[in-house]
Structures are given as structure tokens and as C-alpha cells.
C-alpha atoms as a PDB file:
ATOM      1  CA  MET A   1     -24.034 132.304  84.468  1.00  0.00           C
ATOM      2  CA  GLU A   2     -26.698 134.889  85.235  1.00  0.00           C
ATOM      3  CA  ILE A   3     -29.698 133.856  87.289  1.00  0.00           C
ATOM      4  CA  THR A   4     -32.805 135.148  85.525  1.00  0.00           C
ATOM      5  CA  LYS A   5     -35.816 133.869  87.479  1.00  0.00           C
ATOM      6  CA  PRO A   6     -37.203 131.033  89.597  1.00  0.00           C
ATOM      7  CA  GLN A   7     -38.127 127.720  87.978  1.00  0.00           C
ATOM      8  CA  GLY A   8     -40.936 125.964  89.805  1.00  0.00           C
ATOM      9  CA  LEU A   9     -41.676 126.209  93.518  1.00  0.00           C
ATOM     10  CA  LYS A  10     -38.768 124.371  95.158  1.00  0.00           C
ATOM     11  CA  GLY A  11     -35.928 126.880  94.719  1.00  0.00           C
ATOM     12  CA  GLU A  12     -34.692 125.964  91.257  1.00  0.00           C
ATOM     13  CA  MET A  13     -33.651 128.851  89.011  1.00  0.00           C
ATOM     14  CA  ARG A  14     -33.214 129.546  85.328  1.00  0.00           C
ATOM     15  CA  ALA A  15     -29.853 130.951  84.311  1.00  0.00           C
ATOM     16  CA  LYS A  16     -28.228 132.237  81.123  1.00  0.00           C
ATOM     17  CA  TYR A  17     -24.818 130.788  80.488  1.00  0.00           C
ATOM     18  CA  TYR A  18     -21.855 132.540  78.920  1.00  0.00           C
ATOM     19  CA  CYS A  19     -19.619 129.636  77.969  1.00  0.00           C
ATOM     20  CA  ASP A  20     -19.170 127.249  75.085  1.00  0.00           C
ATOM     21  CA  ASP A  21     -20.261 124.142  76.951  1.00  0.00           C
ATOM     22  CA  PRO A  22     -22.674 124.709  79.844  1.00  0.00           C
ATOM     23  CA  ASP A  23     -22.405 121.073  80.956  1.00  0.00           C
ATOM     24  CA  GLU A  24     -18.871 121.783  82.157  1.00  0.00           C
ATOM     25  CA  VAL A  25     -20.196 124.241  84.760  1.00  0.00           C
ATOM     26  CA  GLY A  26     -22.187 121.444  86.347  1.00  0.00           C
ATOM     27  CA  GLU A  27     -18.943 119.586  87.059  1.00  0.00           C
ATOM     28  CA  PHE A  28     -17.651 122.135  89.593  1.00  0.00           C
ATOM     29  CA  ASP A  29     -18.041 121.387  93.298  1.00  0.00           C
ATOM     30  CA  VAL A  30     -17.971 125.037  94.350  1.00  0.00           C
ATOM     31  CA  LEU A  31     -19.170 128.093  92.462  1.00  0.00           C
ATOM     32  CA  PHE A  32     -19.280 131.730  93.566  1.00  0.00           C
ATOM     33  CA  LEU A  33     -22.383 133.925  93.808  1.00  0.00           C
ATOM     34  CA  GLY A  34     -22.629 137.666  93.211  1.00  0.00           C
ATOM     35  CA  LYS A  35     -20.069 140.459  93.382  1.00  0.00           C
ATOM     36  CA  GLU A  36     -19.132 139.320  96.873  1.00  0.00           C
ATOM     37  CA  LYS A  37     -18.281 135.907  95.352  1.00  0.00           C
ATOM     38  CA  LYS A  38     -19.979 133.934  98.110  1.00  0.00           C
ATOM     39  CA  PRO A  39     -19.133 130.208  97.774  1.00  0.00           C
ATOM     40  CA  VAL A  40     -22.201 128.128  96.846  1.00  0.00           C
ATOM     41  CA  LYS A  41     -22.754 124.459  96.133  1.00  0.00           C
ATOM     42  CA  LEU A  42     -24.710 123.328  93.092  1.00  0.00           C
ATOM     43  CA  THR A  43     -27.223 120.655  94.087  1.00  0.00           C
ATOM     44  CA  SER A  44     -28.733 120.152  90.648  1.00  0.00           C
ATOM     45  CA  PHE A  45     -27.909 121.276  87.144  1.00  0.00           C
ATOM     46  CA  ARG A  46     -29.431 120.572  83.742  1.00  0.00           C
ATOM     47  CA  VAL A  47     -29.349 122.207  80.345  1.00  0.00           C
ATOM     48  CA  ASN A  48     -32.732 123.204  78.927  1.00  0.00           C
ATOM     49  CA  LYS A  49     -32.615 124.615  75.377  1.00  0.00           C
ATOM     50  CA  ASN A  50     -30.558 127.834  75.541  1.00  0.00           C
ATOM     51  CA  MET A  51     -30.429 128.090  79.337  1.00  0.00           C
ATOM     52  CA  VAL A  52     -29.688 126.009  82.392  1.00  0.00           C
ATOM     53  CA  ILE A  53     -31.857 125.066  85.348  1.00  0.00           C
ATOM     54  CA  ILE A  54     -29.909 125.075  88.604  1.00  0.00           C
ATOM     55  CA  ALA A  55     -30.474 124.541  92.302  1.00  0.00           C
ATOM     56  CA  LEU A  56     -28.157 125.860  94.994  1.00  0.00           C
ATOM     57  CA  GLU A  57     -27.709 124.467  98.458  1.00  0.00           C
ATOM     58  CA  GLY A  58     -29.809 126.486 100.910  1.00  0.00           C
ATOM     59  CA  VAL A  59     -32.208 127.866  98.291  1.00  0.00           C
ATOM     60  CA  ASN A  60     -35.401 125.874  98.812  1.00  0.00           C
ATOM     61  CA  THR A  61     -38.323 128.173  97.958  1.00  0.00           C
ATOM     62  CA  VAL A  62     -39.469 130.264  95.039  1.00  0.00           C
ATOM     63  CA  GLU A  63     -39.123 133.366  97.238  1.00  0.00           C
ATOM     64  CA  GLU A  64     -35.477 132.601  98.016  1.00  0.00           C
ATOM     65  CA  ALA A  65     -34.808 131.927  94.337  1.00  0.00           C
ATOM     66  CA  ARG A  66     -36.524 135.173  93.274  1.00  0.00           C
ATOM     67  CA  LYS A  67     -34.116 137.177  95.497  1.00  0.00           C
ATOM     68  CA  LEU A  68     -31.188 135.857  93.448  1.00  0.00           C
ATOM     69  CA  ALA A  69     -32.537 136.966  90.052  1.00  0.00           C
ATOM     70  CA  GLY A  70     -29.988 139.174  88.294  1.00  0.00           C
ATOM     71  CA  LYS A  71     -27.022 137.779  90.230  1.00  0.00           C
ATOM     72  CA  PHE A  72     -24.124 136.105  88.497  1.00  0.00           C
ATOM     73  CA  ILE A  73     -22.540 132.777  89.346  1.00  0.00           C
ATOM     74  CA  TYR A  74     -18.818 132.463  88.708  1.00  0.00           C
ATOM     75  CA  ILE A  75     -16.228 129.732  88.584  1.00  0.00           C
ATOM     76  CA  ASP A  76     -12.716 130.073  89.990  1.00  0.00           C
ATOM     77  CA  ARG A  77     -10.524 130.309  86.915  1.00  0.00           C
ATOM     78  CA  GLU A  78      -7.797 128.409  88.805  1.00  0.00           C
ATOM     79  CA  ASP A  79     -10.147 125.391  88.742  1.00  0.00           C
ATOM     80  CA  VAL A  80     -10.207 125.376  84.922  1.00  0.00           C
ATOM     81  CA  GLU A  81      -7.642 123.885  82.572  1.00  0.00           C
ATOM     82  CA  LEU A  82      -8.080 125.401  79.143  1.00  0.00           C
ATOM     83  CA  GLU A  83      -7.017 123.591  75.999  1.00  0.00           C
ATOM     84  CA  GLU A  84      -4.394 125.126  73.766  1.00  0.00           C
ATOM     85  CA  ASN A  85      -5.752 128.098  71.789  1.00  0.00           C
ATOM     86  CA  VAL A  86      -8.794 128.421  74.053  1.00  0.00           C
ATOM     87  CA  TRP A  87      -9.271 131.574  76.159  1.00  0.00           C
ATOM     88  CA  PHE A  88     -11.717 133.073  78.564  1.00  0.00           C
ATOM     89  CA  ILE A  89     -13.780 135.739  76.813  1.00  0.00           C
ATOM     90  CA  LYS A  90     -12.932 138.100  79.662  1.00  0.00           C
ATOM     91  CA  ASP A  91      -9.234 137.799  78.719  1.00  0.00           C
ATOM     92  CA  LEU A  92      -9.939 138.797  75.111  1.00  0.00           C
ATOM     93  CA  ILE A  93     -11.860 141.964  75.977  1.00  0.00           C
ATOM     94  CA  GLY A  94      -9.580 144.979  75.654  1.00  0.00           C
ATOM     95  CA  LEU A  95      -6.976 143.333  73.408  1.00  0.00           C
ATOM     96  CA  ASP A  96      -5.628 145.427  70.527  1.00  0.00           C
ATOM     97  CA  VAL A  97      -6.689 144.238  67.074  1.00  0.00           C
ATOM     98  CA  ILE A  98      -3.827 144.643  64.600  1.00  0.00           C
ATOM     99  CA  ASP A  99      -3.627 144.157  60.822  1.00  0.00           C
ATOM    100  CA  ALA A 100      -1.105 141.347  60.281  1.00  0.00           C
ATOM    101  CA  ASP A 101       0.186 142.866  57.031  1.00  0.00           C
ATOM    102  CA  SER A 102       0.258 146.623  57.666  1.00  0.00           C
ATOM    103  CA  GLY A 103       0.579 146.735  61.462  1.00  0.00           C
ATOM    104  CA  GLU A 104      -2.378 149.141  61.573  1.00  0.00           C
ATOM    105  CA  LYS A 105      -4.285 149.079  64.845  1.00  0.00           C
ATOM    106  CA  TYR A 106      -8.023 148.794  64.152  1.00  0.00           C
ATOM    107  CA  GLY A 107      -9.119 149.210  67.762  1.00  0.00           C
ATOM    108  CA  VAL A 108      -9.771 147.083  70.836  1.00  0.00           C
ATOM    109  CA  VAL A 109     -12.013 144.087  71.384  1.00  0.00           C
ATOM    110  CA  GLU A 110     -15.186 145.295  73.057  1.00  0.00           C
ATOM    111  CA  GLU A 111     -17.324 142.158  72.961  1.00  0.00           C
ATOM    112  CA  ILE A 112     -17.440 138.597  71.637  1.00  0.00           C
ATOM    113  CA  LEU A 113     -20.797 137.737  70.067  1.00  0.00           C
ATOM    114  CA  GLN A 114     -21.606 134.044  70.300  1.00  0.00           C
ATOM    115  CA  ASN A 115     -24.982 133.734  68.605  1.00  0.00           C
ATOM    116  CA  ALA A 116     -23.679 132.801  65.167  1.00  0.00           C
ATOM    117  CA  PRO A 117     -22.129 129.582  63.837  1.00  0.00           C
ATOM    118  CA  THR A 118     -18.746 131.107  64.759  1.00  0.00           C
ATOM    119  CA  ASP A 119     -17.814 133.750  67.315  1.00  0.00           C
ATOM    120  CA  VAL A 120     -17.872 137.329  66.050  1.00  0.00           C
ATOM    121  CA  TYR A 121     -15.478 139.876  67.543  1.00  0.00           C
ATOM    122  CA  SER A 122     -16.753 143.412  68.051  1.00  0.00           C
ATOM    123  CA  VAL A 123     -13.969 145.983  67.873  1.00  0.00           C
ATOM    124  CA  ARG A 124     -14.262 149.654  68.859  1.00  0.00           C
ATOM    125  CA  THR A 125     -12.024 152.046  66.902  1.00  0.00           C
ATOM    126  CA  ARG A 126     -10.494 155.236  68.344  1.00  0.00           C
ATOM    127  CA  GLU A 127     -13.153 157.142  66.433  1.00  0.00           C
ATOM    128  CA  GLY A 128     -15.882 155.148  68.162  1.00  0.00           C
ATOM    129  CA  LYS A 129     -16.874 153.091  65.127  1.00  0.00           C
ATOM    130  CA  GLN A 130     -17.767 149.414  65.582  1.00  0.00           C
ATOM    131  CA  LEU A 131     -16.030 146.823  63.401  1.00  0.00           C
ATOM    132  CA  LEU A 132     -17.035 143.161  63.333  1.00  0.00           C
ATOM    133  CA  PHE A 133     -15.001 140.183  62.206  1.00  0.00           C
ATOM    134  CA  PRO A 134     -15.641 136.431  62.348  1.00  0.00           C
ATOM    135  CA  SER A 135     -13.427 134.030  64.262  1.00  0.00           C
ATOM    136  CA  ILE A 136     -12.390 132.047  61.200  1.00  0.00           C
ATOM    137  CA  PRO A 137      -8.833 130.977  60.321  1.00  0.00           C
ATOM    138  CA  GLU A 138      -8.789 133.128  57.161  1.00  0.00           C
ATOM    139  CA  VAL A 139      -9.301 136.284  59.276  1.00  0.00           C
ATOM    140  CA  LEU A 140      -8.173 135.572  62.838  1.00  0.00           C
ATOM    141  CA  LEU A 141      -4.495 134.661  62.581  1.00  0.00           C
ATOM    142  CA  ASP A 142      -3.157 134.871  66.129  1.00  0.00           C
ATOM    143  CA  ILE A 143      -4.151 135.740  69.674  1.00  0.00           C
ATOM    144  CA  ASN A 144      -1.349 136.706  72.025  1.00  0.00           C
ATOM    145  CA  ILE A 145      -2.693 137.268  75.532  1.00  0.00           C
ATOM    146  CA  ASN A 146       0.762 138.160  76.917  1.00  0.00           C
ATOM    147  CA  GLU A 147       1.312 140.886  74.318  1.00  0.00           C
ATOM    148  CA  ARG A 148      -2.389 141.903  74.580  1.00  0.00           C
ATOM    149  CA  LYS A 149      -2.976 141.737  70.815  1.00  0.00           C
ATOM    150  CA  ILE A 150      -4.882 139.901  68.124  1.00  0.00           C
ATOM    151  CA  LEU A 151      -3.539 139.694  64.577  1.00  0.00           C
ATOM    152  CA  ILE A 152      -6.106 139.625  61.778  1.00  0.00           C
ATOM    153  CA  ARG A 153      -6.162 139.697  57.995  1.00  0.00           C
ATOM    154  CA  PRO A 154      -9.575 141.090  57.012  1.00  0.00           C
ATOM    155  CA  LEU A 155     -11.216 139.638  53.948  1.00  0.00           C
ATOM    156  CA  LYS A 156     -11.660 142.134  51.127  1.00  0.00           C
ATOM    157  CA  GLY A 157     -14.561 144.486  51.934  1.00  0.00           C
ATOM    158  CA  LEU A 158     -15.015 143.218  55.487  1.00  0.00           C
ATOM    159  CA  PHE A 159     -14.758 146.633  57.156  1.00  0.00           C
ATOM    160  CA  GLU A 160     -16.317 148.695  54.343  1.00  0.00           C
END
């Protein structure tokens, strides 16, 4: 999550979330703040439209909350059990995207866009061109984190 600004006068903060289900973040006892990954305790958490409202132990004023704007809050990935065929976005960034039929390498995953009904993968080619493909079973055939590759079968005209 990224803290964006204070919410109210008692130290609560608005934050953008970068996960499929923000409610799951509220279930963690300890989170980590900033690049230094300082352990922090969540004292309140609620989802509000497309953001979350949080309170951290020791942050009790709007001034203290304002100082945290722009900082990120992390979870310890060891505290998370992912379901089968579910990955952290961070683990997908940098994977090679390969054509399942020809073996051609299209490029590497640069970003996962999550503002559509399905995730959209942004791939950067060697030539610097951006390719986009949806995370649908007809296109995205396999993700192999260990081999650092994603196999796809683009629909006709997808990259034209």
C-alpha cells in the first residue's frame, strides 16, 4: 500500500492498495513501513471505495500522518500463503514472454495493469515497443516462475 495523505485529525491515513483483495492486508498483525521496512502495527483498517483508510500504532495526529505521505507499507511475503496459480505481481515483472507455438520471445513483463475486468500485462520488446495482452485463458497459457517465463498464444491481430 502507498500512504497518500491524512484522513481526519486523529492520525488516520488514506492509502492506495496494490493487491487483489485489500481486506486481506487488514488481517496481518505486523506490516513494514518505508524502504527501511520498520515494523508497524495496524490499529484500524477499512476499505473505502478504491482506497483504504488505515491507522498505525504511534501515529495520532494529522501532522504525524502527513509525514508518512508517499511511504509504502509492505507485508512479509513469508506471512502469505498463495493459492495455486496465484503470484505476487513483483514476481511476474521481468519474466520473458514467449510465443507458445513459435518459441519467439516477445519481450519482458514491465507492468501488470489492474484497472480492467481482467489484468493486462504490459510487455517491453527489445526494440522498446510496448505490447499489451489480457490475462485470459485463451491468451495466457502458462506462467513458470522458476524458468522465468510466460507462455502466450496471442489472438489474431492482438499485437498489430
